[in-house]
Amino acid sequence: MKQIDFKSLVAVVLLASTTVICTASATSNTEKWEIKTSSEKIPEGWEPFGYDSNDKSDPFLLRRKTNNWDNKQKWEIKTSSGAIPEGWEPFAYDSNDKSDPFLLRRSTADNWDNKQKWEIQTSSGTVPEGWEPFAFDSNDESDPFLLRRSTADNWDNKQKWEIQTSSSLTGKILEGWEPFGYDYKDDYDPLLLRRRSSGEWDNKQKWEIQTSSGTIPEGWEPFAYDSNDKSDPFLLRRRIK
């Protein structure tokens, strides 16, 4: 499996029970998550949400909730050189791999639409109508943002997203913005933020972020990973409004 320099979570991201975050809901203060790693095999009940490019033997970061979670769900993962096969979803990106950079996933549960299709492209800071930011290439100075959209009929091609960074060494997230990625090569402005500029988006929502050395406190959600930080690598978030 290819090595990744970007944590997504990612997706990103990811970051409820799927990677796509088209809307956000308040995180329960009693919600609990477990995290662990996996060397390409995803155990039943766990979800891939990030990747540690410095770990050659056990690179995948997995998570699951300890409440209201389908413990029997299963996921498959693989890579793709830009073309997303039918039924797969992009969730992370390896900026060091020129030929096969994308990490894909799909659920093997019965309620997964194996016919869904995705397109991917890049954007130098401006997100076109109908596209969603989901990862960031810290090695690409001119066109760092990775975008995606579903080609399925139930995708809103008119949704719009804005992306920006936040001087978040203090952990301050602007009202109405959501953290979704991390550029560990940027010491000054590492957090990537996004918000929808159309649709049912709460512009007054607020987020807190912090780090955690492997233990996820109650009410917090893992959403990204800093592979250069040996002592406190996990990035956590929760909504406070």
C-alpha atoms as a PDB file:
ATOM      1  CA  MET A   1       0.000   0.000   0.000  1.00  0.00           C
ATOM      2  CA  LYS A   2       1.212   3.469  -0.851  1.00  0.00           C
ATOM      3  CA  GLN A   3       2.547   5.902   1.739  1.00  0.00           C
ATOM      4  CA  ILE A   4       0.650   9.090   2.504  1.00  0.00           C
ATOM      5  CA  ASP A   5       1.898  12.470   3.690  1.00  0.00           C
ATOM      6  CA  PHE A   6      -1.559  13.905   4.261  1.00  0.00           C
ATOM      7  CA  LYS A   7      -3.822  13.008   7.109  1.00  0.00           C
ATOM      8  CA  SER A   8      -7.300  13.388   6.187  1.00  0.00           C
ATOM      9  CA  LEU A   9      -9.525  12.259   7.732  1.00  0.00           C
ATOM     10  CA  VAL A  10      -9.269  12.156   5.629  1.00  0.00           C
ATOM     11  CA  ALA A  11     -10.890  12.695   5.930  1.00  0.00           C
ATOM     12  CA  VAL A  12     -11.181  12.886   5.512  1.00  0.00           C
ATOM     13  CA  VAL A  13     -12.020  12.675   6.555  1.00  0.00           C
ATOM     14  CA  LEU A  14     -14.096  11.897   7.468  1.00  0.00           C
ATOM     15  CA  LEU A  15     -16.148  12.408   9.475  1.00  0.00           C
ATOM     16  CA  ALA A  16     -19.153  10.740  10.810  1.00  0.00           C
ATOM     17  CA  SER A  17     -19.866   7.192   9.655  1.00  0.00           C
ATOM     18  CA  THR A  18     -18.700   8.190   6.158  1.00  0.00           C
ATOM     19  CA  THR A  19     -16.052  10.558   4.871  1.00  0.00           C
ATOM     20  CA  VAL A  20     -18.471  12.955   3.264  1.00  0.00           C
ATOM     21  CA  ILE A  21     -19.364  15.876   5.474  1.00  0.00           C
ATOM     22  CA  CYS A  22     -21.920  17.826   3.538  1.00  0.00           C
ATOM     23  CA  THR A  23     -23.695  18.887   6.696  1.00  0.00           C
ATOM     24  CA  ALA A  24     -22.633  18.882  10.321  1.00  0.00           C
ATOM     25  CA  SER A  25     -24.565  18.079  13.457  1.00  0.00           C
ATOM     26  CA  ALA A  26     -23.621  18.863  17.005  1.00  0.00           C
ATOM     27  CA  THR A  27     -21.390  16.308  18.624  1.00  0.00           C
ATOM     28  CA  SER A  28     -22.797  14.758  21.742  1.00  0.00           C
ATOM     29  CA  ASN A  29     -20.759  15.556  24.822  1.00  0.00           C
ATOM     30  CA  THR A  30     -21.186  11.929  25.847  1.00  0.00           C
ATOM     31  CA  GLU A  31     -20.011  10.504  22.536  1.00  0.00           C
ATOM     32  CA  LYS A  32     -16.978   8.225  22.773  1.00  0.00           C
ATOM     33  CA  TRP A  33     -14.531   7.043  20.119  1.00  0.00           C
ATOM     34  CA  GLU A  34     -11.900   4.350  19.978  1.00  0.00           C
ATOM     35  CA  ILE A  35      -8.872   4.571  17.687  1.00  0.00           C
ATOM     36  CA  LYS A  36      -6.272   2.087  16.541  1.00  0.00           C
ATOM     37  CA  THR A  37      -4.110   1.239  13.538  1.00  0.00           C
ATOM     38  CA  SER A  38      -4.395  -1.487  10.929  1.00  0.00           C
ATOM     39  CA  SER A  39      -1.988  -2.855   8.322  1.00  0.00           C
ATOM     40  CA  GLU A  40      -4.472  -2.659   5.433  1.00  0.00           C
ATOM     41  CA  LYS A  41      -7.061  -5.046   6.873  1.00  0.00           C
ATOM     42  CA  ILE A  42     -10.048  -3.262   8.381  1.00  0.00           C
ATOM     43  CA  PRO A  43     -11.581  -5.266  11.238  1.00  0.00           C
ATOM     44  CA  GLU A  44     -15.339  -5.595  11.394  1.00  0.00           C
ATOM     45  CA  GLY A  45     -16.952  -2.546  12.993  1.00  0.00           C
ATOM     46  CA  TRP A  46     -14.051  -0.161  12.345  1.00  0.00           C
ATOM     47  CA  GLU A  47     -13.809   2.740   9.861  1.00  0.00           C
ATOM     48  CA  PRO A  48     -10.652   4.008   8.077  1.00  0.00           C
ATOM     49  CA  PHE A  49     -10.261   7.775   8.561  1.00  0.00           C
ATOM     50  CA  GLY A  50      -6.564   8.607   8.178  1.00  0.00           C
ATOM     51  CA  TYR A  51      -3.100   7.350   7.268  1.00  0.00           C
ATOM     52  CA  ASP A  52       0.347   7.574   8.881  1.00  0.00           C
ATOM     53  CA  SER A  53       2.912   7.798   6.095  1.00  0.00           C
ATOM     54  CA  ASN A  54       5.767   7.309   8.569  1.00  0.00           C
ATOM     55  CA  ASP A  55       4.520   3.886   9.638  1.00  0.00           C
ATOM     56  CA  LYS A  56       5.543   1.299   7.067  1.00  0.00           C
ATOM     57  CA  SER A  57       4.024  -1.739   8.784  1.00  0.00           C
ATOM     58  CA  ASP A  58       0.747  -0.455  10.256  1.00  0.00           C
ATOM     59  CA  PRO A  59      -0.208   2.727   8.408  1.00  0.00           C
ATOM     60  CA  PHE A  60      -3.984   2.971   8.535  1.00  0.00           C
ATOM     61  CA  LEU A  61      -5.796   4.840  11.282  1.00  0.00           C
ATOM     62  CA  LEU A  62      -9.150   3.393  12.254  1.00  0.00           C
ATOM     63  CA  ARG A  63     -11.950   4.659  14.455  1.00  0.00           C
ATOM     64  CA  ARG A  64     -15.325   3.613  15.805  1.00  0.00           C
ATOM     65  CA  LYS A  65     -17.879   5.054  18.160  1.00  0.00           C
ATOM     66  CA  THR A  66     -18.779   3.211  21.315  1.00  0.00           C
ATOM     67  CA  ASN A  67     -22.443   4.235  21.069  1.00  0.00           C
ATOM     68  CA  ASN A  68     -24.958   4.151  18.216  1.00  0.00           C
ATOM     69  CA  TRP A  69     -22.422   2.413  15.993  1.00  0.00           C
ATOM     70  CA  ASP A  70     -22.871  -0.539  13.679  1.00  0.00           C
ATOM     71  CA  ASN A  71     -20.318  -2.980  15.070  1.00  0.00           C
ATOM     72  CA  LYS A  72     -20.852  -5.298  12.112  1.00  0.00           C
ATOM     73  CA  GLN A  73     -20.048  -2.816   9.364  1.00  0.00           C
ATOM     74  CA  LYS A  74     -17.134  -3.685   7.095  1.00  0.00           C
ATOM     75  CA  TRP A  75     -14.922  -1.549   4.868  1.00  0.00           C
ATOM     76  CA  GLU A  76     -12.588  -2.234   1.965  1.00  0.00           C
ATOM     77  CA  ILE A  77      -9.663   0.024   1.032  1.00  0.00           C
ATOM     78  CA  LYS A  78      -7.485   0.408  -2.055  1.00  0.00           C
ATOM     79  CA  THR A  79      -5.680   3.061  -4.119  1.00  0.00           C
ATOM     80  CA  SER A  80      -6.547   4.827  -7.372  1.00  0.00           C
ATOM     81  CA  SER A  81      -4.477   6.969  -9.751  1.00  0.00           C
ATOM     82  CA  GLY A  82      -7.104   9.672 -10.156  1.00  0.00           C
ATOM     83  CA  ALA A  83      -9.986   7.631 -11.525  1.00  0.00           C
ATOM     84  CA  ILE A  84     -12.492   6.617  -8.856  1.00  0.00           C
ATOM     85  CA  PRO A  85     -14.081   3.253  -9.660  1.00  0.00           C
ATOM     86  CA  GLU A  86     -17.827   2.890  -9.337  1.00  0.00           C
ATOM     87  CA  GLY A  87     -18.899   2.383  -5.750  1.00  0.00           C
ATOM     88  CA  TRP A  88     -15.684   3.701  -4.138  1.00  0.00           C
ATOM     89  CA  GLU A  89     -15.133   6.875  -2.124  1.00  0.00           C
ATOM     90  CA  PRO A  90     -11.890   8.926  -1.834  1.00  0.00           C
ATOM     91  CA  PHE A  91     -10.866   9.540   1.765  1.00  0.00           C
ATOM     92  CA  ALA A  92      -7.119  10.346   1.781  1.00  0.00           C
ATOM     93  CA  TYR A  93      -4.230  11.318  -0.479  1.00  0.00           C
ATOM     94  CA  ASP A  94      -0.517  10.483  -0.740  1.00  0.00           C
ATOM     95  CA  SER A  95       1.298  13.577  -2.026  1.00  0.00           C
ATOM     96  CA  ASN A  96       4.549  11.607  -2.374  1.00  0.00           C
ATOM     97  CA  ASP A  97       3.066   9.043  -4.744  1.00  0.00           C
ATOM     98  CA  LYS A  98       2.923  10.456  -8.262  1.00  0.00           C
ATOM     99  CA  SER A  99       1.339   7.409  -9.917  1.00  0.00           C
ATOM    100  CA  ASP A 100      -1.250   6.164  -7.416  1.00  0.00           C
ATOM    101  CA  PRO A 101      -1.974   8.879  -4.874  1.00  0.00           C
ATOM    102  CA  PHE A 102      -5.577   8.371  -3.829  1.00  0.00           C
ATOM    103  CA  LEU A 103      -6.784   6.138  -1.025  1.00  0.00           C
ATOM    104  CA  LEU A 104     -10.292   4.855  -1.555  1.00  0.00           C
ATOM    105  CA  ARG A 105     -12.791   3.086   0.644  1.00  0.00           C
ATOM    106  CA  ARG A 106     -16.219   1.526   0.432  1.00  0.00           C
ATOM    107  CA  SER A 107     -18.535  -0.106   2.883  1.00  0.00           C
ATOM    108  CA  THR A 108     -19.440  -3.742   2.317  1.00  0.00           C
ATOM    109  CA  ALA A 109     -22.696  -3.276   4.244  1.00  0.00           C
ATOM    110  CA  ASP A 110     -25.984  -3.937   2.500  1.00  0.00           C
ATOM    111  CA  ASN A 111     -26.993  -0.268   2.643  1.00  0.00           C
ATOM    112  CA  TRP A 112     -23.987   0.917   0.591  1.00  0.00           C
ATOM    113  CA  ASP A 113     -24.678   2.130  -2.939  1.00  0.00           C
ATOM    114  CA  ASN A 114     -22.145   0.218  -5.011  1.00  0.00           C
ATOM    115  CA  LYS A 115     -23.136   2.283  -8.026  1.00  0.00           C
ATOM    116  CA  GLN A 116     -22.072   5.636  -6.632  1.00  0.00           C
ATOM    117  CA  LYS A 117     -19.429   7.437  -8.646  1.00  0.00           C
ATOM    118  CA  TRP A 118     -17.009  10.220  -7.764  1.00  0.00           C
ATOM    119  CA  GLU A 119     -14.972  12.735  -9.706  1.00  0.00           C
ATOM    120  CA  ILE A 120     -11.812  14.335  -8.333  1.00  0.00           C
ATOM    121  CA  GLN A 121      -9.866  17.444  -9.317  1.00  0.00           C
ATOM    122  CA  THR A 122      -7.644  20.077  -7.774  1.00  0.00           C
ATOM    123  CA  SER A 123      -8.332  23.711  -6.973  1.00  0.00           C
ATOM    124  CA  SER A 124      -5.958  26.484  -5.923  1.00  0.00           C
ATOM    125  CA  GLY A 125      -8.122  27.806  -3.116  1.00  0.00           C
ATOM    126  CA  THR A 126     -11.418  28.339  -4.933  1.00  0.00           C
ATOM    127  CA  VAL A 127     -14.008  25.591  -4.732  1.00  0.00           C
ATOM    128  CA  PRO A 128     -16.251  25.520  -7.814  1.00  0.00           C
ATOM    129  CA  GLU A 129     -19.976  25.124  -7.423  1.00  0.00           C
ATOM    130  CA  GLY A 130     -20.924  21.509  -6.825  1.00  0.00           C
ATOM    131  CA  TRP A 131     -17.483  20.412  -5.602  1.00  0.00           C
ATOM    132  CA  GLU A 132     -16.381  19.547  -2.070  1.00  0.00           C
ATOM    133  CA  PRO A 133     -12.889  19.955  -0.560  1.00  0.00           C
ATOM    134  CA  PHE A 134     -11.712  16.751   1.097  1.00  0.00           C
ATOM    135  CA  ALA A 135      -7.897  16.780   1.293  1.00  0.00           C
ATOM    136  CA  PHE A 136      -4.780  18.920   0.916  1.00  0.00           C
ATOM    137  CA  ASP A 137      -1.448  18.307  -0.820  1.00  0.00           C
ATOM    138  CA  SER A 138       1.166  20.122   1.273  1.00  0.00           C
ATOM    139  CA  ASN A 139       3.825  19.495  -1.417  1.00  0.00           C
ATOM    140  CA  ASP A 140       1.898  21.329  -4.149  1.00  0.00           C
ATOM    141  CA  GLU A 141       2.484  25.069  -3.808  1.00  0.00           C
ATOM    142  CA  SER A 142       0.310  26.145  -6.735  1.00  0.00           C
ATOM    143  CA  ASP A 143      -2.741  23.897  -6.522  1.00  0.00           C
ATOM    144  CA  PRO A 144      -2.909  22.226  -3.104  1.00  0.00           C
ATOM    145  CA  PHE A 145      -6.601  21.491  -2.586  1.00  0.00           C
ATOM    146  CA  LEU A 146      -8.192  18.228  -3.636  1.00  0.00           C
ATOM    147  CA  LEU A 147     -11.857  18.394  -4.527  1.00  0.00           C
ATOM    148  CA  ARG A 148     -14.504  15.778  -5.110  1.00  0.00           C
ATOM    149  CA  ARG A 149     -18.115  15.452  -6.116  1.00  0.00           C
ATOM    150  CA  SER A 150     -20.489  12.574  -6.570  1.00  0.00           C
ATOM    151  CA  THR A 151     -21.799  11.888 -10.030  1.00  0.00           C
ATOM    152  CA  ALA A 152     -24.865  10.152  -8.591  1.00  0.00           C
ATOM    153  CA  ASP A 153     -28.273  11.637  -9.233  1.00  0.00           C
ATOM    154  CA  ASN A 154     -28.831  12.516  -5.587  1.00  0.00           C
ATOM    155  CA  TRP A 155     -25.860  14.887  -5.384  1.00  0.00           C
ATOM    156  CA  ASP A 156     -26.568  18.605  -5.132  1.00  0.00           C
ATOM    157  CA  ASN A 157     -24.462  20.106  -7.910  1.00  0.00           C
ATOM    158  CA  LYS A 158     -25.308  23.591  -6.669  1.00  0.00           C
ATOM    159  CA  GLN A 159     -23.779  23.235  -3.244  1.00  0.00           C
ATOM    160  CA  LYS A 160     -20.816  25.499  -2.656  1.00  0.00           C
ATOM    161  CA  TRP A 161     -17.910  25.279  -0.239  1.00  0.00           C
ATOM    162  CA  GLU A 162     -15.401  27.826   0.934  1.00  0.00           C
ATOM    163  CA  ILE A 163     -11.976  26.838   2.192  1.00  0.00           C
ATOM    164  CA  GLN A 164      -9.377  28.771   4.139  1.00  0.00           C
ATOM    165  CA  THR A 165      -6.709  28.250   6.748  1.00  0.00           C
ATOM    166  CA  SER A 166      -6.728  29.325  10.365  1.00  0.00           C
ATOM    167  CA  SER A 167      -3.842  30.496  12.532  1.00  0.00           C
ATOM    168  CA  SER A 168      -4.816  27.664  14.779  1.00  0.00           C
ATOM    169  CA  LEU A 169      -1.771  27.159  16.932  1.00  0.00           C
ATOM    170  CA  THR A 170      -4.123  28.608  19.542  1.00  0.00           C
ATOM    171  CA  GLY A 171      -6.897  26.238  18.467  1.00  0.00           C
ATOM    172  CA  LYS A 172      -9.335  28.988  17.536  1.00  0.00           C
ATOM    173  CA  ILE A 173     -11.832  28.065  14.808  1.00  0.00           C
ATOM    174  CA  LEU A 174     -13.800  30.921  13.311  1.00  0.00           C
ATOM    175  CA  GLU A 175     -17.538  30.829  13.885  1.00  0.00           C
ATOM    176  CA  GLY A 176     -19.294  28.926  11.115  1.00  0.00           C
ATOM    177  CA  TRP A 177     -16.186  27.078   9.925  1.00  0.00           C
ATOM    178  CA  GLU A 178     -15.338  23.400  10.274  1.00  0.00           C
ATOM    179  CA  PRO A 179     -11.853  21.846  10.583  1.00  0.00           C
ATOM    180  CA  PHE A 180     -11.337  19.076   8.027  1.00  0.00           C
ATOM    181  CA  GLY A 181      -7.612  18.658   7.431  1.00  0.00           C
ATOM    182  CA  TYR A 182      -4.089  19.525   8.583  1.00  0.00           C
ATOM    183  CA  ASP A 183      -0.885  20.646   6.853  1.00  0.00           C
ATOM    184  CA  TYR A 184       1.899  19.555   9.201  1.00  0.00           C
ATOM    185  CA  LYS A 185       4.494  21.352   7.035  1.00  0.00           C
ATOM    186  CA  ASP A 186       2.938  24.731   7.832  1.00  0.00           C
ATOM    187  CA  ASP A 187       4.170  25.782  11.270  1.00  0.00           C
ATOM    188  CA  TYR A 188       2.233  29.046  11.234  1.00  0.00           C
ATOM    189  CA  ASP A 189      -1.187  28.200   9.796  1.00  0.00           C
ATOM    190  CA  PRO A 190      -1.673  24.411   9.819  1.00  0.00           C
ATOM    191  CA  LEU A 191      -5.436  23.896  10.114  1.00  0.00           C
ATOM    192  CA  LEU A 192      -7.603  23.642   6.997  1.00  0.00           C
ATOM    193  CA  LEU A 193     -11.149  24.887   7.448  1.00  0.00           C
ATOM    194  CA  ARG A 194     -14.270  24.681   5.323  1.00  0.00           C
ATOM    195  CA  ARG A 195     -17.874  25.790   5.324  1.00  0.00           C
ATOM    196  CA  ARG A 196     -20.762  25.520   2.944  1.00  0.00           C
ATOM    197  CA  SER A 197     -21.836  28.776   1.360  1.00  0.00           C
ATOM    198  CA  SER A 198     -25.200  27.391   0.312  1.00  0.00           C
ATOM    199  CA  GLY A 199     -27.724  24.951   1.668  1.00  0.00           C
ATOM    200  CA  GLU A 200     -28.595  24.098   5.236  1.00  0.00           C
ATOM    201  CA  TRP A 201     -25.404  25.268   6.904  1.00  0.00           C
ATOM    202  CA  ASP A 202     -25.285  26.825  10.342  1.00  0.00           C
ATOM    203  CA  ASN A 203     -23.034  29.858  10.004  1.00  0.00           C
ATOM    204  CA  LYS A 204     -23.026  30.297  13.763  1.00  0.00           C
ATOM    205  CA  GLN A 205     -21.649  26.879  14.595  1.00  0.00           C
ATOM    206  CA  LYS A 206     -18.423  26.827  16.559  1.00  0.00           C
ATOM    207  CA  TRP A 207     -15.742  24.173  16.922  1.00  0.00           C
ATOM    208  CA  GLU A 208     -12.997  23.427  19.395  1.00  0.00           C
ATOM    209  CA  ILE A 209      -9.854  21.510  18.503  1.00  0.00           C
ATOM    210  CA  GLN A 210      -7.202  19.857  20.612  1.00  0.00           C
ATOM    211  CA  THR A 211      -4.685  17.040  20.430  1.00  0.00           C
ATOM    212  CA  SER A 212      -4.676  13.677  22.161  1.00  0.00           C
ATOM    213  CA  SER A 213      -1.885  11.180  22.699  1.00  0.00           C
ATOM    214  CA  GLY A 214      -3.962   8.153  21.756  1.00  0.00           C
ATOM    215  CA  THR A 215      -6.851   8.560  24.190  1.00  0.00           C
ATOM    216  CA  ILE A 216     -10.027  10.206  22.896  1.00  0.00           C
ATOM    217  CA  PRO A 217     -11.834  12.101  25.665  1.00  0.00           C
ATOM    218  CA  GLU A 218     -15.587  11.742  25.893  1.00  0.00           C
ATOM    219  CA  GLY A 219     -17.384  14.028  23.443  1.00  0.00           C
ATOM    220  CA  TRP A 220     -14.406  14.513  21.106  1.00  0.00           C
ATOM    221  CA  GLU A 221     -13.958  13.133  17.580  1.00  0.00           C
ATOM    222  CA  PRO A 222     -10.677  12.226  15.824  1.00  0.00           C
ATOM    223  CA  PHE A 223     -10.470  13.854  12.403  1.00  0.00           C
ATOM    224  CA  ALA A 224      -6.795  14.104  11.403  1.00  0.00           C
ATOM    225  CA  TYR A 225      -3.290  12.942  12.297  1.00  0.00           C
ATOM    226  CA  ASP A 226       0.141  14.600  12.458  1.00  0.00           C
ATOM    227  CA  SER A 227       2.658  11.883  11.649  1.00  0.00           C
ATOM    228  CA  ASN A 228       5.559  14.162  12.587  1.00  0.00           C
ATOM    229  CA  ASP A 229       4.372  14.518  16.181  1.00  0.00           C
ATOM    230  CA  LYS A 230       5.541  11.447  18.046  1.00  0.00           C
ATOM    231  CA  SER A 231       4.066  12.348  21.436  1.00  0.00           C
ATOM    232  CA  ASP A 232       0.654  13.824  20.575  1.00  0.00           C
ATOM    233  CA  PRO A 233      -0.296  12.992  16.990  1.00  0.00           C
ATOM    234  CA  PHE A 234      -4.096  12.942  16.971  1.00  0.00           C
ATOM    235  CA  LEU A 235      -6.178  15.985  16.150  1.00  0.00           C
ATOM    236  CA  LEU A 236      -9.584  16.035  17.816  1.00  0.00           C
ATOM    237  CA  ARG A 237     -12.644  18.233  17.392  1.00  0.00           C
ATOM    238  CA  ARG A 238     -16.068  18.876  18.827  1.00  0.00           C
ATOM    239  CA  ARG A 239     -18.834  21.345  18.254  1.00  0.00           C
ATOM    240  CA  ILE A 240     -19.623  23.692  21.103  1.00  0.00           C
ATOM    241  CA  LYS A 241     -22.661  25.208  19.427  1.00  0.00           C
END
